[in-house]
Amino acid sequence: MHLHRYEKIWLSFGITSLIVFLAVLAFTAFAEGHTPPGGILTVSPESVDQVPPFNAPGVYDRGDYVDVYIVGQIFSYNPNRIELPLGKPVHFYVTTKDVVHSFTIIDTTVNMMLIPGYVNSATYTFEKPGSYLVLCNEYCGAGHQLMQMEVEVKG
């Protein structure tokens, strides 16, 4: 098979570009310590109600930060309303016991997928007091539009 000179040039350019791209990607990933996710928390969807801390979901003030444990279930969150302090880091730990949901706090950067069997987490510090709405952005059935909760941030 005979390749034209221009075909050889463009083929060489494409392969070289690919090699350079992959080398830069690998170097930056290793230099910045990027690794695959590890330590993923899991919980049996059938026994979420019996496994601490999800057997008593709610807000736990740890002094310098706050832990919040929430269980998503068909058309609701447990608890349905929480109060959080202003200016403290809040660690959200959320799971679901039935189908795929999401946990999205409007006007914040908190947006998590809830998958049965897994615990998802996010950290956020509320800088403005007020009431924040939490919605499910994943269609979860006929009552999906009812799945919401309220986060009250007090100064």
C-alpha atoms as a PDB file:
ATOM      1  CA  MET A   1       0.000   0.000   0.000  1.00  0.00           C
ATOM      2  CA  HIS A   2       1.428   3.307  -1.088  1.00  0.00           C
ATOM      3  CA  LEU A   3       0.790   6.461   0.950  1.00  0.00           C
ATOM      4  CA  HIS A   4       1.079   9.890  -0.552  1.00  0.00           C
ATOM      5  CA  ARG A   5       3.594  12.275   1.031  1.00  0.00           C
ATOM      6  CA  TYR A   6       0.823  14.524   2.432  1.00  0.00           C
ATOM      7  CA  GLU A   7      -0.953  11.518   3.933  1.00  0.00           C
ATOM      8  CA  LYS A   8       2.258  10.513   5.716  1.00  0.00           C
ATOM      9  CA  ILE A   9       2.703  14.068   7.050  1.00  0.00           C
ATOM     10  CA  TRP A  10      -0.879  14.304   8.369  1.00  0.00           C
ATOM     11  CA  LEU A  11      -0.763  10.786   9.812  1.00  0.00           C
ATOM     12  CA  SER A  12       2.531  11.581  11.583  1.00  0.00           C
ATOM     13  CA  PHE A  13       1.090  14.887  12.858  1.00  0.00           C
ATOM     14  CA  GLY A  14      -2.047  13.152  14.220  1.00  0.00           C
ATOM     15  CA  ILE A  15      -0.163  10.368  15.966  1.00  0.00           C
ATOM     16  CA  THR A  16       2.370  12.812  17.436  1.00  0.00           C
ATOM     17  CA  SER A  17      -0.431  15.080  18.690  1.00  0.00           C
ATOM     18  CA  LEU A  18      -2.153  12.121  20.325  1.00  0.00           C
ATOM     19  CA  ILE A  19       1.053  11.006  22.056  1.00  0.00           C
ATOM     20  CA  VAL A  20       1.781  14.552  23.299  1.00  0.00           C
ATOM     21  CA  PHE A  21      -1.805  14.953  24.561  1.00  0.00           C
ATOM     22  CA  LEU A  22      -1.718  11.654  26.470  1.00  0.00           C
ATOM     23  CA  ALA A  23       1.740  12.426  27.917  1.00  0.00           C
ATOM     24  CA  VAL A  24       0.607  15.846  29.177  1.00  0.00           C
ATOM     25  CA  LEU A  25      -2.569  14.324  30.627  1.00  0.00           C
ATOM     26  CA  ALA A  26      -0.636  11.561  32.412  1.00  0.00           C
ATOM     27  CA  PHE A  27       2.019  13.953  33.725  1.00  0.00           C
ATOM     28  CA  THR A  28      -0.499  16.418  35.172  1.00  0.00           C
ATOM     29  CA  ALA A  29      -2.572  13.607  36.692  1.00  0.00           C
ATOM     30  CA  PHE A  30       0.424  12.096  38.481  1.00  0.00           C
ATOM     31  CA  ALA A  31       1.980  15.469  39.372  1.00  0.00           C
ATOM     32  CA  GLU A  32      -1.246  16.662  41.018  1.00  0.00           C
ATOM     33  CA  GLY A  33      -1.901  13.327  42.718  1.00  0.00           C
ATOM     34  CA  HIS A  34      -5.088  12.420  40.870  1.00  0.00           C
ATOM     35  CA  THR A  35      -6.153   8.867  41.608  1.00  0.00           C
ATOM     36  CA  PRO A  36      -9.266   6.793  41.060  1.00  0.00           C
ATOM     37  CA  PRO A  37     -11.844   7.208  43.825  1.00  0.00           C
ATOM     38  CA  GLY A  38     -11.240   5.036  46.813  1.00  0.00           C
ATOM     39  CA  GLY A  39     -12.932   4.472  50.124  1.00  0.00           C
ATOM     40  CA  ILE A  40     -16.415   4.599  48.633  1.00  0.00           C
ATOM     41  CA  LEU A  41     -18.960   4.166  51.398  1.00  0.00           C
ATOM     42  CA  THR A  42     -21.625   1.557  50.818  1.00  0.00           C
ATOM     43  CA  VAL A  43     -24.742   0.564  52.705  1.00  0.00           C
ATOM     44  CA  SER A  44     -27.282  -2.159  52.015  1.00  0.00           C
ATOM     45  CA  PRO A  45     -30.452  -0.519  50.648  1.00  0.00           C
ATOM     46  CA  GLU A  46     -32.589  -3.082  52.479  1.00  0.00           C
ATOM     47  CA  SER A  47     -31.092  -2.252  55.885  1.00  0.00           C
ATOM     48  CA  VAL A  48     -30.500   1.505  55.673  1.00  0.00           C
ATOM     49  CA  ASP A  49     -32.920   2.061  58.564  1.00  0.00           C
ATOM     50  CA  GLN A  50     -30.874  -0.202  60.859  1.00  0.00           C
ATOM     51  CA  VAL A  51     -27.352   1.016  59.986  1.00  0.00           C
ATOM     52  CA  PRO A  52     -25.849   3.854  62.056  1.00  0.00           C
ATOM     53  CA  PRO A  53     -25.827   6.804  61.425  1.00  0.00           C
ATOM     54  CA  PHE A  54     -28.646   6.433  58.873  1.00  0.00           C
ATOM     55  CA  ASN A  55     -30.902   4.814  61.474  1.00  0.00           C
ATOM     56  CA  ALA A  56     -31.171   8.306  63.046  1.00  0.00           C
ATOM     57  CA  PRO A  57     -30.782  10.753  60.144  1.00  0.00           C
ATOM     58  CA  GLY A  58     -30.381  14.407  60.970  1.00  0.00           C
ATOM     59  CA  VAL A  59     -27.914  17.122  61.947  1.00  0.00           C
ATOM     60  CA  TYR A  60     -24.941  16.413  64.222  1.00  0.00           C
ATOM     61  CA  ASP A  61     -22.884  19.404  65.395  1.00  0.00           C
ATOM     62  CA  ARG A  62     -19.272  18.285  65.861  1.00  0.00           C
ATOM     63  CA  GLY A  63     -17.929  21.661  67.077  1.00  0.00           C
ATOM     64  CA  ASP A  64     -15.874  22.978  64.161  1.00  0.00           C
ATOM     65  CA  TYR A  65     -18.109  21.383  61.535  1.00  0.00           C
ATOM     66  CA  VAL A  66     -21.537  19.805  61.102  1.00  0.00           C
ATOM     67  CA  ASP A  67     -22.400  16.325  59.818  1.00  0.00           C
ATOM     68  CA  VAL A  68     -25.780  15.822  58.144  1.00  0.00           C
ATOM     69  CA  TYR A  69     -27.141  12.351  57.388  1.00  0.00           C
ATOM     70  CA  ILE A  70     -30.092  12.149  54.987  1.00  0.00           C
ATOM     71  CA  VAL A  71     -31.967   9.210  53.470  1.00  0.00           C
ATOM     72  CA  GLY A  72     -33.772   9.660  50.178  1.00  0.00           C
ATOM     73  CA  GLN A  73     -36.822   7.516  49.684  1.00  0.00           C
ATOM     74  CA  ILE A  74     -39.736   7.428  47.332  1.00  0.00           C
ATOM     75  CA  PHE A  75     -40.994  11.028  46.992  1.00  0.00           C
ATOM     76  CA  SER A  76     -39.370  12.328  50.218  1.00  0.00           C
ATOM     77  CA  TYR A  77     -36.191  12.923  52.195  1.00  0.00           C
ATOM     78  CA  ASN A  78     -35.707  11.909  55.813  1.00  0.00           C
ATOM     79  CA  PRO A  79     -35.519  14.314  57.619  1.00  0.00           C
ATOM     80  CA  ASN A  80     -37.743  16.661  55.621  1.00  0.00           C
ATOM     81  CA  ARG A  81     -36.457  19.873  57.251  1.00  0.00           C
ATOM     82  CA  ILE A  82     -33.112  20.695  58.876  1.00  0.00           C
ATOM     83  CA  GLU A  83     -31.548  23.748  60.530  1.00  0.00           C
ATOM     84  CA  LEU A  84     -27.885  24.534  59.932  1.00  0.00           C
ATOM     85  CA  PRO A  85     -25.509  27.155  61.353  1.00  0.00           C
ATOM     86  CA  LEU A  86     -24.122  29.979  59.260  1.00  0.00           C
ATOM     87  CA  GLY A  87     -20.413  29.879  58.339  1.00  0.00           C
ATOM     88  CA  LYS A  88     -19.593  26.324  59.490  1.00  0.00           C
ATOM     89  CA  PRO A  89     -18.538  23.609  57.037  1.00  0.00           C
ATOM     90  CA  VAL A  90     -21.393  21.154  56.563  1.00  0.00           C
ATOM     91  CA  HIS A  91     -20.626  17.572  55.488  1.00  0.00           C
ATOM     92  CA  PHE A  92     -23.650  16.004  53.803  1.00  0.00           C
ATOM     93  CA  TYR A  93     -23.874  12.191  53.693  1.00  0.00           C
ATOM     94  CA  VAL A  94     -26.834  11.049  51.616  1.00  0.00           C
ATOM     95  CA  THR A  95     -28.079   7.658  50.472  1.00  0.00           C
ATOM     96  CA  THR A  96     -31.285   6.157  49.114  1.00  0.00           C
ATOM     97  CA  LYS A  97     -33.071   2.936  49.856  1.00  0.00           C
ATOM     98  CA  ASP A  98     -35.190   2.475  46.766  1.00  0.00           C
ATOM     99  CA  VAL A  99     -34.437   4.047  43.351  1.00  0.00           C
ATOM    100  CA  VAL A 100     -32.038   6.608  41.883  1.00  0.00           C
ATOM    101  CA  HIS A 101     -32.661  10.144  43.174  1.00  0.00           C
ATOM    102  CA  SER A 102     -30.647  13.334  43.362  1.00  0.00           C
ATOM    103  CA  PHE A 103     -29.973  15.766  46.181  1.00  0.00           C
ATOM    104  CA  THR A 104     -29.721  19.310  44.841  1.00  0.00           C
ATOM    105  CA  ILE A 105     -29.698  22.351  47.104  1.00  0.00           C
ATOM    106  CA  ILE A 106     -30.901  25.302  45.029  1.00  0.00           C
ATOM    107  CA  ASP A 107     -28.526  28.344  44.894  1.00  0.00           C
ATOM    108  CA  THR A 108     -25.542  26.266  46.082  1.00  0.00           C
ATOM    109  CA  THR A 109     -22.974  23.959  44.502  1.00  0.00           C
ATOM    110  CA  VAL A 110     -24.403  20.874  46.243  1.00  0.00           C
ATOM    111  CA  ASN A 111     -25.701  18.447  43.618  1.00  0.00           C
ATOM    112  CA  MET A 112     -25.365  14.701  44.197  1.00  0.00           C
ATOM    113  CA  MET A 113     -26.691  11.531  42.608  1.00  0.00           C
ATOM    114  CA  LEU A 114     -28.216   9.079  45.065  1.00  0.00           C
ATOM    115  CA  ILE A 115     -27.773   5.476  44.024  1.00  0.00           C
ATOM    116  CA  PRO A 116     -29.115   2.583  46.126  1.00  0.00           C
ATOM    117  CA  GLY A 117     -26.277   0.908  48.003  1.00  0.00           C
ATOM    118  CA  TYR A 118     -23.908   3.893  47.948  1.00  0.00           C
ATOM    119  CA  VAL A 119     -23.373   6.885  50.237  1.00  0.00           C
ATOM    120  CA  ASN A 120     -22.637  10.133  48.435  1.00  0.00           C
ATOM    121  CA  SER A 121     -21.063  13.086  50.231  1.00  0.00           C
ATOM    122  CA  ALA A 122     -20.449  16.776  49.725  1.00  0.00           C
ATOM    123  CA  THR A 123     -19.155  19.642  51.840  1.00  0.00           C
ATOM    124  CA  TYR A 124     -20.570  23.145  51.730  1.00  0.00           C
ATOM    125  CA  THR A 125     -20.334  26.251  53.910  1.00  0.00           C
ATOM    126  CA  PHE A 126     -23.432  28.438  53.892  1.00  0.00           C
ATOM    127  CA  GLU A 127     -22.453  32.119  53.789  1.00  0.00           C
ATOM    128  CA  LYS A 128     -25.983  33.576  53.638  1.00  0.00           C
ATOM    129  CA  PRO A 129     -28.793  32.900  56.108  1.00  0.00           C
ATOM    130  CA  GLY A 130     -32.187  31.916  54.808  1.00  0.00           C
ATOM    131  CA  SER A 131     -34.260  29.039  53.570  1.00  0.00           C
ATOM    132  CA  TYR A 132     -32.836  26.757  50.860  1.00  0.00           C
ATOM    133  CA  LEU A 133     -34.924  24.340  48.818  1.00  0.00           C
ATOM    134  CA  VAL A 134     -33.690  20.809  48.154  1.00  0.00           C
ATOM    135  CA  LEU A 135     -35.042  19.079  45.048  1.00  0.00           C
ATOM    136  CA  CYS A 136     -34.726  15.714  43.345  1.00  0.00           C
ATOM    137  CA  ASN A 137     -33.585  16.178  39.739  1.00  0.00           C
ATOM    138  CA  GLU A 138     -33.885  12.507  38.769  1.00  0.00           C
ATOM    139  CA  TYR A 139     -37.317  11.287  37.757  1.00  0.00           C
ATOM    140  CA  CYS A 140     -38.250   8.733  40.416  1.00  0.00           C
ATOM    141  CA  GLY A 141     -41.899   8.013  39.723  1.00  0.00           C
ATOM    142  CA  ALA A 142     -45.377   9.525  39.584  1.00  0.00           C
ATOM    143  CA  GLY A 143     -44.877  11.667  42.738  1.00  0.00           C
ATOM    144  CA  HIS A 144     -41.439  12.956  41.749  1.00  0.00           C
ATOM    145  CA  GLN A 145     -42.555  16.607  41.854  1.00  0.00           C
ATOM    146  CA  LEU A 146     -43.353  16.194  45.582  1.00  0.00           C
ATOM    147  CA  MET A 147     -39.799  15.171  46.524  1.00  0.00           C
ATOM    148  CA  GLN A 148     -38.316  18.178  48.260  1.00  0.00           C
ATOM    149  CA  MET A 149     -37.059  19.334  51.627  1.00  0.00           C
ATOM    150  CA  GLU A 150     -36.058  22.584  53.329  1.00  0.00           C
ATOM    151  CA  VAL A 151     -32.688  23.656  54.725  1.00  0.00           C
ATOM    152  CA  GLU A 152     -32.934  26.576  57.139  1.00  0.00           C
ATOM    153  CA  VAL A 153     -29.625  28.423  57.709  1.00  0.00           C
ATOM    154  CA  LYS A 154     -29.521  30.613  60.805  1.00  0.00           C
ATOM    155  CA  GLY A 155     -26.824  33.086  61.771  1.00  0.00           C
END
